[in-house]
Amino acid sequence: MTEGLEPIRVTLRIPRSFGGYHRTTDERITVEALPGATVADLIRQAGLPEFEFGIAVVDGHRELLSYRPTDGETIDLLPIISGG
């Protein structure tokens, strides 16, 4: 991390069914990052495939993947789904 900046800790919560497609055994992944990191940055840092997620939910509100979370937040990541 860069000197003088305290990292933030954010928890990413992913759907349980996601583990069936990707080698993820935990529904919650805690990520440390510098302040100003976006949800998309955190997804990449956690080693998750960013193309899978299109919706981030913070405190019941939908946010863009460009949202910059604050320390201690939990973000629900929802996949992009299609169908007819």
Protein backbone atom coordinates (compact mmCIF):
# COMPACT_ATOMS: atom_id res chain seq x y z
CA MET A 1 0.00 0.00 0.00
CA THR A 2 1.06 3.59 -0.51
CA GLU A 3 2.65 5.33 2.46
CA GLY A 4 0.40 7.74 4.35
CA LEU A 5 -2.86 6.23 3.13
CA GLU A 6 -4.71 3.80 5.36
CA PRO A 7 -6.20 0.91 3.42
CA ILE A 8 -9.91 0.26 3.54
CA ARG A 9 -11.42 -3.19 4.14
CA VAL A 10 -14.52 -4.08 2.16
CA THR A 11 -16.46 -7.33 2.14
CA LEU A 12 -17.74 -8.59 -1.20
CA ARG A 13 -20.69 -10.96 -0.91
CA ILE A 14 -21.35 -13.19 -3.91
CA PRO A 15 -24.21 -15.61 -4.66
CA ARG A 16 -23.72 -19.15 -3.38
CA SER A 17 -24.45 -20.55 -6.85
CA PHE A 18 -21.45 -18.67 -8.22
CA GLY A 19 -19.13 -21.21 -6.57
CA GLY A 20 -20.47 -23.90 -8.89
CA TYR A 21 -19.04 -22.09 -11.90
CA HIS A 22 -15.86 -20.66 -10.42
CA ARG A 23 -13.50 -22.01 -7.81
CA THR A 24 -14.78 -19.87 -4.99
CA THR A 25 -15.65 -21.61 -1.75
CA ASP A 26 -16.65 -18.60 0.32
CA GLU A 27 -19.66 -16.35 -0.16
CA ARG A 28 -17.82 -13.48 1.54
CA ILE A 29 -14.47 -12.19 0.41
CA THR A 30 -12.73 -9.42 2.34
CA VAL A 31 -10.52 -7.17 0.25
CA GLU A 32 -8.08 -4.45 1.32
CA ALA A 33 -7.51 -1.53 -1.02
CA LEU A 34 -6.48 2.09 -1.07
CA PRO A 35 -9.20 4.68 -0.56
CA GLY A 36 -10.74 5.60 -3.90
CA ALA A 37 -10.78 2.05 -5.27
CA THR A 38 -13.95 1.21 -7.17
CA VAL A 39 -16.12 -1.88 -6.86
CA ALA A 40 -14.70 -3.02 -10.22
CA ASP A 41 -11.17 -2.65 -8.80
CA LEU A 42 -12.12 -4.76 -5.78
CA ILE A 43 -13.67 -7.47 -7.97
CA ARG A 44 -10.43 -7.72 -9.96
CA GLN A 45 -8.30 -7.65 -6.81
CA ALA A 46 -10.35 -10.51 -5.32
CA GLY A 47 -9.59 -12.57 -8.43
CA LEU A 48 -13.22 -12.73 -9.51
CA PRO A 49 -14.19 -12.52 -13.18
CA GLU A 50 -15.41 -8.95 -13.54
CA PHE A 51 -17.53 -9.72 -16.60
CA GLU A 52 -19.85 -11.84 -14.41
CA PHE A 53 -21.12 -9.01 -12.21
CA GLY A 54 -23.25 -6.08 -13.30
CA ILE A 55 -24.98 -5.01 -10.13
CA ALA A 56 -23.57 -3.91 -6.79
CA VAL A 57 -25.88 -3.37 -3.83
CA VAL A 58 -24.76 -1.30 -0.84
CA ASP A 59 -27.14 -0.87 2.10
CA GLY A 60 -30.08 -1.83 -0.11
CA HIS A 61 -29.20 0.67 -2.85
CA ARG A 62 -28.03 -0.28 -6.32
CA GLU A 63 -24.67 1.21 -7.21
CA LEU A 64 -22.57 1.22 -10.35
CA LEU A 65 -19.33 -0.74 -10.45
CA SER A 66 -17.62 2.66 -10.46
CA TYR A 67 -18.89 3.24 -6.88
CA ARG A 68 -16.10 3.96 -4.39
CA PRO A 69 -16.86 2.14 -1.14
CA THR A 70 -15.76 3.25 2.29
CA ASP A 71 -14.08 1.22 4.99
CA GLY A 72 -16.21 -1.52 6.50
CA GLU A 73 -18.92 -1.65 3.83
CA THR A 74 -20.39 -4.93 2.60
CA ILE A 75 -21.23 -5.05 -1.08
CA ASP A 76 -23.58 -7.63 -2.57
CA LEU A 77 -22.47 -8.53 -6.09
CA LEU A 78 -25.16 -9.83 -8.41
CA PRO A 79 -24.47 -11.49 -11.73
CA ILE A 80 -25.68 -10.34 -15.08
CA ILE A 81 -28.34 -12.81 -16.18
CA SER A 82 -30.16 -13.25 -19.44
CA GLY A 83 -33.14 -15.18 -20.45
CA GLY A 84 -36.43 -14.90 -22.12
